[in-house]
PDB file of N, CA and C in Angstrom:
ATOM      1  N   MET A   1     -97.113 -90.116-115.338  1.00  0.00           N
ATOM      2  CA  MET A   1     -96.509 -90.815-114.388  1.00  0.00           C
ATOM      3  C   MET A   1     -97.145 -92.149-114.310  1.00  0.00           C
ATOM      4  N   ARG A   2     -96.414 -92.791-114.112  1.00  0.00           N
ATOM      5  CA  ARG A   2     -96.685 -94.456-113.636  1.00  0.00           C
ATOM      6  C   ARG A   2     -95.992 -94.913-112.487  1.00  0.00           C
ATOM      7  N   PHE A   3     -96.734 -95.773-111.870  1.00  0.00           N
ATOM      8  CA  PHE A   3     -96.210 -96.066-110.659  1.00  0.00           C
ATOM      9  C   PHE A   3     -96.333 -97.744-110.593  1.00  0.00           C
ATOM     10  N   ASN A   4     -95.456 -98.561-110.389  1.00  0.00           N
ATOM     11  CA  ASN A   4     -95.167 -99.962-109.992  1.00  0.00           C
ATOM     12  C   ASN A   4     -94.808 -99.939-108.662  1.00  0.00           C
ATOM     13  N   GLY A   5     -96.297-100.520-107.943  1.00  0.00           N
ATOM     14  CA  GLY A   5     -95.836-100.513-106.142  1.00  0.00           C
ATOM     15  C   GLY A   5     -95.709-102.021-106.078  1.00  0.00           C
ATOM     16  N   ILE A   6     -94.206-101.947-105.201  1.00  0.00           N
ATOM     17  CA  ILE A   6     -94.453-103.326-104.898  1.00  0.00           C
ATOM     18  C   ILE A   6     -94.268-103.639-103.189  1.00  0.00           C
ATOM     19  N   TYR A   7     -95.019-104.342-102.610  1.00  0.00           N
ATOM     20  CA  TYR A   7     -94.992-104.631-101.305  1.00  0.00           C
ATOM     21  C   TYR A   7     -94.112-105.905-100.975  1.00  0.00           C
ATOM     22  N   CYS A   8     -93.043-105.729-100.183  1.00  0.00           N
ATOM     23  CA  CYS A   8     -91.862-106.558 -99.919  1.00  0.00           C
ATOM     24  C   CYS A   8     -92.473-107.160 -98.524  1.00  0.00           C
ATOM     25  N   ILE A   9     -92.603-108.524 -98.597  1.00  0.00           N
ATOM     26  CA  ILE A   9     -93.004-109.400 -97.383  1.00  0.00           C
ATOM     27  C   ILE A   9     -91.616-109.836 -96.808  1.00  0.00           C
ATOM     28  N   TYR A  10     -90.789-110.178 -97.332  1.00  0.00           N
ATOM     29  CA  TYR A  10     -89.272-110.702 -96.838  1.00  0.00           C
ATOM     30  C   TYR A  10     -88.523-110.759 -98.025  1.00  0.00           C
ATOM     31  N   HIS A  11     -87.095-111.247 -97.761  1.00  0.00           N
ATOM     32  CA  HIS A  11     -86.218-111.278 -98.608  1.00  0.00           C
ATOM     33  C   HIS A  11     -85.752-109.932 -99.584  1.00  0.00           C
ATOM     34  N   CYS A  12     -86.230-109.057 -98.578  1.00  0.00           N
ATOM     35  CA  CYS A  12     -86.237-107.392 -99.733  1.00  0.00           C
ATOM     36  C   CYS A  12     -84.637-107.300 -99.764  1.00  0.00           C
ATOM     37  N   ASN A  13     -84.452-106.488-100.862  1.00  0.00           N
ATOM     38  CA  ASN A  13     -82.958-106.238-101.288  1.00  0.00           C
ATOM     39  C   ASN A  13     -83.091-104.688-100.944  1.00  0.00           C
ATOM     40  N   VAL A  14     -83.506-103.870-100.047  1.00  0.00           N
ATOM     41  CA  VAL A  14     -83.484-102.723 -99.630  1.00  0.00           C
ATOM     42  C   VAL A  14     -82.916-102.636 -98.269  1.00  0.00           C
ATOM     43  N   GLU A  15     -82.318-101.679 -97.763  1.00  0.00           N
ATOM     44  CA  GLU A  15     -82.235-101.078 -96.592  1.00  0.00           C
ATOM     45  C   GLU A  15     -82.597-100.301 -95.888  1.00  0.00           C
ATOM     46  N   GLN A  16     -83.037-100.502 -94.575  1.00  0.00           N
ATOM     47  CA  GLN A  16     -84.267 -99.886 -94.268  1.00  0.00           C
ATOM     48  C   GLN A  16     -83.581 -99.479 -92.913  1.00  0.00           C
ATOM     49  N   ASP A  17     -84.051 -98.187 -92.080  1.00  0.00           N
ATOM     50  CA  ASP A  17     -83.845 -97.661 -90.704  1.00  0.00           C
ATOM     51  C   ASP A  17     -84.457 -98.498 -89.877  1.00  0.00           C
ATOM     52  N   GLU A  18     -83.826 -98.751 -89.171  1.00  0.00           N
ATOM     53  CA  GLU A  18     -84.951 -99.725 -88.108  1.00  0.00           C
ATOM     54  C   GLU A  18     -85.760 -98.858 -86.938  1.00  0.00           C
ATOM     55  N   GLU A  19     -85.728 -97.676 -86.700  1.00  0.00           N
ATOM     56  CA  GLU A  19     -85.819 -97.132 -85.667  1.00  0.00           C
ATOM     57  C   GLU A  19     -87.676 -96.574 -86.237  1.00  0.00           C
ATOM     58  N   ASP A  20     -88.453 -97.061 -85.375  1.00  0.00           N
ATOM     59  CA  ASP A  20     -89.985 -96.839 -85.194  1.00  0.00           C
ATOM     60  C   ASP A  20     -90.278 -95.407 -85.232  1.00  0.00           C
ATOM     61  N   ASP A  21     -89.603 -94.591 -84.581  1.00  0.00           N
ATOM     62  CA  ASP A  21     -90.434 -93.377 -84.388  1.00  0.00           C
ATOM     63  C   ASP A  21     -89.575 -92.299 -85.162  1.00  0.00           C
ATOM     64  N   VAL A  22     -90.097 -91.744 -85.997  1.00  0.00           N
ATOM     65  CA  VAL A  22     -88.891 -90.974 -86.811  1.00  0.00           C
ATOM     66  C   VAL A  22     -89.999 -89.843 -87.283  1.00  0.00           C
ATOM     67  N   GLU A  23     -89.388 -88.846 -86.965  1.00  0.00           N
ATOM     68  CA  GLU A  23     -90.047 -87.463 -87.342  1.00  0.00           C
ATOM     69  C   GLU A  23     -89.769 -86.661 -88.517  1.00  0.00           C
ATOM     70  N   GLN A  24     -91.160 -87.050 -89.383  1.00  0.00           N
ATOM     71  CA  GLN A  24     -90.935 -86.153 -91.041  1.00  0.00           C
ATOM     72  C   GLN A  24     -90.506 -85.175 -91.146  1.00  0.00           C
ATOM     73  N   VAL A  25     -89.359 -84.476 -91.767  1.00  0.00           N
ATOM     74  CA  VAL A  25     -89.510 -83.271 -92.089  1.00  0.00           C
ATOM     75  C   VAL A  25     -89.847 -83.093 -93.622  1.00  0.00           C
ATOM     76  N   ASP A  26     -90.507 -81.958 -93.897  1.00  0.00           N
ATOM     77  CA  ASP A  26     -90.661 -81.523 -95.026  1.00  0.00           C
ATOM     78  C   ASP A  26     -89.742 -80.992 -95.898  1.00  0.00           C
ATOM     79  N   MET A  27     -89.473 -81.893 -96.993  1.00  0.00           N
ATOM     80  CA  MET A  27     -88.070 -81.283 -98.012  1.00  0.00           C
ATOM     81  C   MET A  27     -88.696 -81.152 -99.260  1.00  0.00           C
ATOM     82  N   TYR A  28     -88.394 -80.024 -99.875  1.00  0.00           N
ATOM     83  CA  TYR A  28     -88.985 -79.486-101.167  1.00  0.00           C
ATOM     84  C   TYR A  28     -87.913 -79.521-102.188  1.00  0.00           C
ATOM     85  N   TRP A  29     -88.256 -80.469-103.356  1.00  0.00           N
ATOM     86  CA  TRP A  29     -87.509 -81.015-104.434  1.00  0.00           C
ATOM     87  C   TRP A  29     -86.627 -79.568-104.997  1.00  0.00           C
ATOM     88  N   SER A  30     -87.229 -78.225-105.289  1.00  0.00           N
ATOM     89  CA  SER A  30     -86.841 -77.257-105.556  1.00  0.00           C
ATOM     90  C   SER A  30     -85.580 -76.670-104.669  1.00  0.00           C
ATOM     91  N   ASP A  31     -85.104 -77.201-103.646  1.00  0.00           N
ATOM     92  CA  ASP A  31     -84.903 -76.670-102.724  1.00  0.00           C
ATOM     93  C   ASP A  31     -83.118 -77.094-102.963  1.00  0.00           C
ATOM     94  N   ALA A  32     -82.494 -76.692-103.183  1.00  0.00           N
ATOM     95  CA  ALA A  32     -81.263 -77.061-103.144  1.00  0.00           C
ATOM     96  C   ALA A  32     -80.267 -77.626-101.598  1.00  0.00           C
ATOM     97  N   SER A  33     -80.929 -77.141-100.880  1.00  0.00           N
ATOM     98  CA  SER A  33     -80.388 -77.616 -99.708  1.00  0.00           C
ATOM     99  C   SER A  33     -81.127 -79.211 -99.442  1.00  0.00           C
ATOM    100  N   THR A  34     -81.982 -79.476-100.235  1.00  0.00           N
ATOM    101  CA  THR A  34     -82.635 -80.862 -99.751  1.00  0.00           C
ATOM    102  C   THR A  34     -81.572 -81.737 -99.898  1.00  0.00           C
ATOM    103  N   TRP A  35     -80.545 -81.694-101.128  1.00  0.00           N
ATOM    104  CA  TRP A  35     -79.847 -82.648-102.035  1.00  0.00           C
ATOM    105  C   TRP A  35     -78.655 -82.217-101.082  1.00  0.00           C
ATOM    106  N   GLU A  36     -78.376 -81.490-100.238  1.00  0.00           N
ATOM    107  CA  GLU A  36     -76.869 -81.614-100.282  1.00  0.00           C
ATOM    108  C   GLU A  36     -76.341 -82.587 -99.436  1.00  0.00           C
ATOM    109  N   ASP A  37     -76.817 -83.351 -98.796  1.00  0.00           N
ATOM    110  CA  ASP A  37     -76.243 -84.680 -97.777  1.00  0.00           C
ATOM    111  C   ASP A  37     -76.589 -85.847 -98.433  1.00  0.00           C
ATOM    112  N   THR A  38     -76.782 -85.817-100.133  1.00  0.00           N
ATOM    113  CA  THR A  38     -77.384 -86.731-100.803  1.00  0.00           C
ATOM    114  C   THR A  38     -75.765 -87.290-101.440  1.00  0.00           C
ATOM    115  N   ASP A  39     -75.825 -88.870-102.043  1.00  0.00           N
ATOM    116  CA  ASP A  39     -74.331 -89.118-102.455  1.00  0.00           C
ATOM    117  C   ASP A  39     -73.979 -88.125-103.631  1.00  0.00           C
ATOM    118  N   ALA A  40     -75.145 -87.598-104.566  1.00  0.00           N
ATOM    119  CA  ALA A  40     -74.703 -87.049-106.146  1.00  0.00           C
ATOM    120  C   ALA A  40     -74.607 -85.440-105.401  1.00  0.00           C
ATOM    121  N   GLY A  41     -75.263 -85.023-104.135  1.00  0.00           N
ATOM    122  CA  GLY A  41     -75.535 -83.439-104.048  1.00  0.00           C
ATOM    123  C   GLY A  41     -76.235 -82.960-105.099  1.00  0.00           C
ATOM    124  N   ARG A  42     -76.974 -83.648-105.342  1.00  0.00           N
ATOM    125  CA  ARG A  42     -77.936 -82.483-106.639  1.00  0.00           C
ATOM    126  C   ARG A  42     -79.347 -83.439-106.499  1.00  0.00           C
ATOM    127  N   PRO A  43     -80.024 -82.589-107.204  1.00  0.00           N
ATOM    128  CA  PRO A  43     -81.229 -83.861-107.395  1.00  0.00           C
ATOM    129  C   PRO A  43     -81.386 -84.932-108.544  1.00  0.00           C
ATOM    130  N   PRO A  44     -81.556 -86.140-108.638  1.00  0.00           N
ATOM    131  CA  PRO A  44     -81.592 -87.051-109.321  1.00  0.00           C
ATOM    132  C   PRO A  44     -82.254 -86.425-110.859  1.00  0.00           C
ATOM    133  N   THR A  45     -81.180 -87.378-111.715  1.00  0.00           N
ATOM    134  CA  THR A  45     -81.979 -87.052-113.294  1.00  0.00           C
ATOM    135  C   THR A  45     -82.299 -87.900-114.017  1.00  0.00           C
ATOM    136  N   ASN A  46     -82.641 -87.934-115.109  1.00  0.00           N
ATOM    137  CA  ASN A  46     -82.951 -88.400-115.909  1.00  0.00           C
ATOM    138  C   ASN A  46     -82.454 -90.097-115.951  1.00  0.00           C
ATOM    139  N   GLY A  47     -83.163 -91.536-115.407  1.00  0.00           N
ATOM    140  CA  GLY A  47     -82.624 -92.856-115.540  1.00  0.00           C
ATOM    141  C   GLY A  47     -82.045 -93.166-114.095  1.00  0.00           C
ATOM    142  N   GLU A  48     -81.985 -92.008-113.283  1.00  0.00           N
ATOM    143  CA  GLU A  48     -81.122 -92.526-111.914  1.00  0.00           C
ATOM    144  C   GLU A  48     -82.460 -92.758-110.873  1.00  0.00           C
ATOM    145  N   ASP A  49     -81.895 -93.463-109.888  1.00  0.00           N
ATOM    146  CA  ASP A  49     -82.640 -93.841-108.855  1.00  0.00           C
ATOM    147  C   ASP A  49     -82.582 -92.774-107.873  1.00  0.00           C
ATOM    148  N   LEU A  50     -83.784 -92.714-106.596  1.00  0.00           N
ATOM    149  CA  LEU A  50     -84.212 -91.835-105.674  1.00  0.00           C
ATOM    150  C   LEU A  50     -84.523 -92.791-104.351  1.00  0.00           C
ATOM    151  N   VAL A  51     -84.037 -92.377-103.540  1.00  0.00           N
ATOM    152  CA  VAL A  51     -84.658 -93.155-102.463  1.00  0.00           C
ATOM    153  C   VAL A  51     -84.830 -91.932-101.369  1.00  0.00           C
ATOM    154  N   ILE A  52     -86.132 -92.352-101.163  1.00  0.00           N
ATOM    155  CA  ILE A  52     -87.090 -90.987 -99.836  1.00  0.00           C
ATOM    156  C   ILE A  52     -86.218 -91.528 -98.545  1.00  0.00           C
ATOM    157  N   PRO A  53     -85.702 -90.904 -97.425  1.00  0.00           N
ATOM    158  CA  PRO A  53     -85.388 -91.497 -96.262  1.00  0.00           C
ATOM    159  C   PRO A  53     -87.071 -91.837 -95.604  1.00  0.00           C
ATOM    160  N   ARG A  54     -86.813 -92.372 -94.495  1.00  0.00           N
ATOM    161  CA  ARG A  54     -88.007 -92.316 -93.293  1.00  0.00           C
ATOM    162  C   ARG A  54     -88.247 -90.690 -92.662  1.00  0.00           C
ATOM    163  N   SER A  55     -87.432 -89.990 -92.579  1.00  0.00           N
ATOM    164  CA  SER A  55     -87.022 -88.679 -92.168  1.00  0.00           C
ATOM    165  C   SER A  55     -87.602 -87.565 -92.992  1.00  0.00           C
ATOM    166  N   TRP A  56     -87.791 -87.897 -94.324  1.00  0.00           N
ATOM    167  CA  TRP A  56     -88.076 -87.045 -95.137  1.00  0.00           C
ATOM    168  C   TRP A  56     -89.889 -86.967 -95.617  1.00  0.00           C
ATOM    169  N   ASN A  57     -90.357 -86.062 -95.665  1.00  0.00           N
ATOM    170  CA  ASN A  57     -91.462 -85.996 -96.515  1.00  0.00           C
ATOM    171  C   ASN A  57     -91.397 -85.103 -97.871  1.00  0.00           C
ATOM    172  N   LEU A  58     -91.071 -85.660 -99.092  1.00  0.00           N
ATOM    173  CA  LEU A  58     -90.381 -85.122-100.315  1.00  0.00           C
ATOM    174  C   LEU A  58     -91.671 -84.515-100.731  1.00  0.00           C
ATOM    175  N   ILE A  59     -91.459 -82.818-101.136  1.00  0.00           N
ATOM    176  CA  ILE A  59     -92.712 -82.367-101.863  1.00  0.00           C
ATOM    177  C   ILE A  59     -92.037 -82.514-103.161  1.00  0.00           C
ATOM    178  N   LEU A  60     -92.649 -82.383-103.988  1.00  0.00           N
ATOM    179  CA  LEU A  60     -92.933 -82.090-105.541  1.00  0.00           C
ATOM    180  C   LEU A  60     -93.244 -80.768-105.930  1.00  0.00           C
ATOM    181  N   ASP A  61     -92.309 -80.111-105.825  1.00  0.00           N
ATOM    182  CA  ASP A  61     -92.987 -78.602-106.062  1.00  0.00           C
ATOM    183  C   ASP A  61     -92.418 -78.279-107.223  1.00  0.00           C
ATOM    184  N   ILE A  62     -92.296 -78.735-108.266  1.00  0.00           N
ATOM    185  CA  ILE A  62     -91.468 -78.488-109.655  1.00  0.00           C
ATOM    186  C   ILE A  62     -92.627 -78.912-110.594  1.00  0.00           C
ATOM    187  N   GLU A  63     -92.297 -78.016-111.654  1.00  0.00           N
ATOM    188  CA  GLU A  63     -93.551 -78.360-112.737  1.00  0.00           C
ATOM    189  C   GLU A  63     -93.215 -79.775-113.214  1.00  0.00           C
ATOM    190  N   GLN A  64     -91.618 -80.467-113.541  1.00  0.00           N
ATOM    191  CA  GLN A  64     -92.035 -81.528-114.197  1.00  0.00           C
ATOM    192  C   GLN A  64     -90.544 -82.273-113.681  1.00  0.00           C
ATOM    193  N   THR A  65     -90.756 -83.450-112.991  1.00  0.00           N
ATOM    194  CA  THR A  65     -89.850 -84.349-112.510  1.00  0.00           C
ATOM    195  C   THR A  65     -88.974 -85.037-113.446  1.00  0.00           C
ATOM    196  N   PRO A  66     -87.899 -85.286-113.409  1.00  0.00           N
ATOM    197  CA  PRO A  66     -87.230 -86.537-114.122  1.00  0.00           C
ATOM    198  C   PRO A  66     -87.809 -87.627-114.401  1.00  0.00           C
ATOM    199  N   ILE A  67     -87.335 -88.512-115.712  1.00  0.00           N
ATOM    200  CA  ILE A  67     -88.044 -89.564-115.405  1.00  0.00           C
ATOM    201  C   ILE A  67     -87.138 -90.325-114.852  1.00  0.00           C
ATOM    202  N   LEU A  68     -87.668 -91.048-113.884  1.00  0.00           N
ATOM    203  CA  LEU A  68     -86.499 -91.773-112.618  1.00  0.00           C
ATOM    204  C   LEU A  68     -86.497 -93.154-112.914  1.00  0.00           C
ATOM    205  N   ALA A  69     -85.490 -93.866-112.958  1.00  0.00           N
ATOM    206  CA  ALA A  69     -85.558 -95.444-112.824  1.00  0.00           C
ATOM    207  C   ALA A  69     -86.157 -96.184-111.781  1.00  0.00           C
ATOM    208  N   LYS A  70     -86.054 -96.051-110.360  1.00  0.00           N
ATOM    209  CA  LYS A  70     -86.839 -96.534-109.503  1.00  0.00           C
ATOM    210  C   LYS A  70     -86.343 -95.210-108.182  1.00  0.00           C
ATOM    211  N   VAL A  71     -88.035 -95.578-107.993  1.00  0.00           N
ATOM    212  CA  VAL A  71     -88.150 -94.652-106.687  1.00  0.00           C
ATOM    213  C   VAL A  71     -88.361 -95.231-105.484  1.00  0.00           C
ATOM    214  N   THR A  72     -87.606 -95.626-104.275  1.00  0.00           N
ATOM    215  CA  THR A  72     -87.877 -96.351-103.106  1.00  0.00           C
ATOM    216  C   THR A  72     -88.327 -95.095-102.093  1.00  0.00           C
ATOM    217  N   VAL A  73     -89.542 -95.394-101.336  1.00  0.00           N
ATOM    218  CA  VAL A  73     -90.256 -94.158-100.238  1.00  0.00           C
ATOM    219  C   VAL A  73     -90.087 -95.099 -99.301  1.00  0.00           C
ATOM    220  N   PHE A  74     -89.659 -94.930 -97.873  1.00  0.00           N
ATOM    221  CA  PHE A  74     -89.083 -95.163 -96.951  1.00  0.00           C
ATOM    222  C   PHE A  74     -90.066 -93.753 -95.967  1.00  0.00           C
ATOM    223  N   GLY A  75     -89.967 -92.932 -96.605  1.00  0.00           N
ATOM    224  CA  GLY A  75     -90.488 -91.372 -95.753  1.00  0.00           C
ATOM    225  C   GLY A  75     -92.234 -91.424 -96.210  1.00  0.00           C
ATOM    226  N   GLY A  76     -91.905 -90.002 -97.121  1.00  0.00           N
ATOM    227  CA  GLY A  76     -93.143 -89.722 -97.431  1.00  0.00           C
ATOM    228  C   GLY A  76     -93.059 -89.215 -98.740  1.00  0.00           C
ATOM    229  N   ILE A  77     -93.816 -88.689 -99.392  1.00  0.00           N
ATOM    230  CA  ILE A  77     -94.062 -88.049-100.681  1.00  0.00           C
ATOM    231  C   ILE A  77     -95.279 -87.067-101.021  1.00  0.00           C
ATOM    232  N   THR A  78     -95.311 -86.160-101.438  1.00  0.00           N
ATOM    233  CA  THR A  78     -96.385 -85.301-101.389  1.00  0.00           C
ATOM    234  C   THR A  78     -96.603 -84.558-102.933  1.00  0.00           C
ATOM    235  N   PHE A  79     -97.200 -84.874-103.861  1.00  0.00           N
ATOM    236  CA  PHE A  79     -97.329 -84.512-105.453  1.00  0.00           C
ATOM    237  C   PHE A  79     -98.281 -83.373-105.274  1.00  0.00           C
ATOM    238  N   GLY A  80     -97.545 -81.961-105.581  1.00  0.00           N
ATOM    239  CA  GLY A  80     -97.972 -81.087-105.696  1.00  0.00           C
ATOM    240  C   GLY A  80     -98.062 -79.697-104.699  1.00  0.00           C
ATOM    241  N   THR A  81     -98.368 -78.861-104.258  1.00  0.00           N
ATOM    242  CA  THR A  81     -98.584 -78.110-103.325  1.00  0.00           C
ATOM    243  C   THR A  81     -99.261 -76.784-103.752  1.00  0.00           C
ATOM    244  N   ASP A  82    -100.067 -76.399-102.785  1.00  0.00           N
ATOM    245  CA  ASP A  82    -100.652 -74.966-102.979  1.00  0.00           C
ATOM    246  C   ASP A  82    -100.158 -73.489-102.371  1.00  0.00           C
ATOM    247  N   SER A  83     -98.941 -73.626-102.070  1.00  0.00           N
ATOM    248  CA  SER A  83     -97.969 -72.786-101.676  1.00  0.00           C
ATOM    249  C   SER A  83     -97.431 -71.704-102.383  1.00  0.00           C
TER     250      SER A  83
END
């Protein structure tokens, strides 16, 4: 897995929810209901982008994720779980 972190100071080209106090909910990659309200209605596949909303803590509870073009994290992301 390779990460390229970008910290945007000004002139950002991403939309962001302006609410300051957003409660995060654990969302599991393997759970089909996680993706129901997304544009695709399914998990992203190779070459696609992923945006994790502020209200999500996305838990990567699968063996291998697709190779994504870009991941934008406004919420949280948890790699692996012991459950």
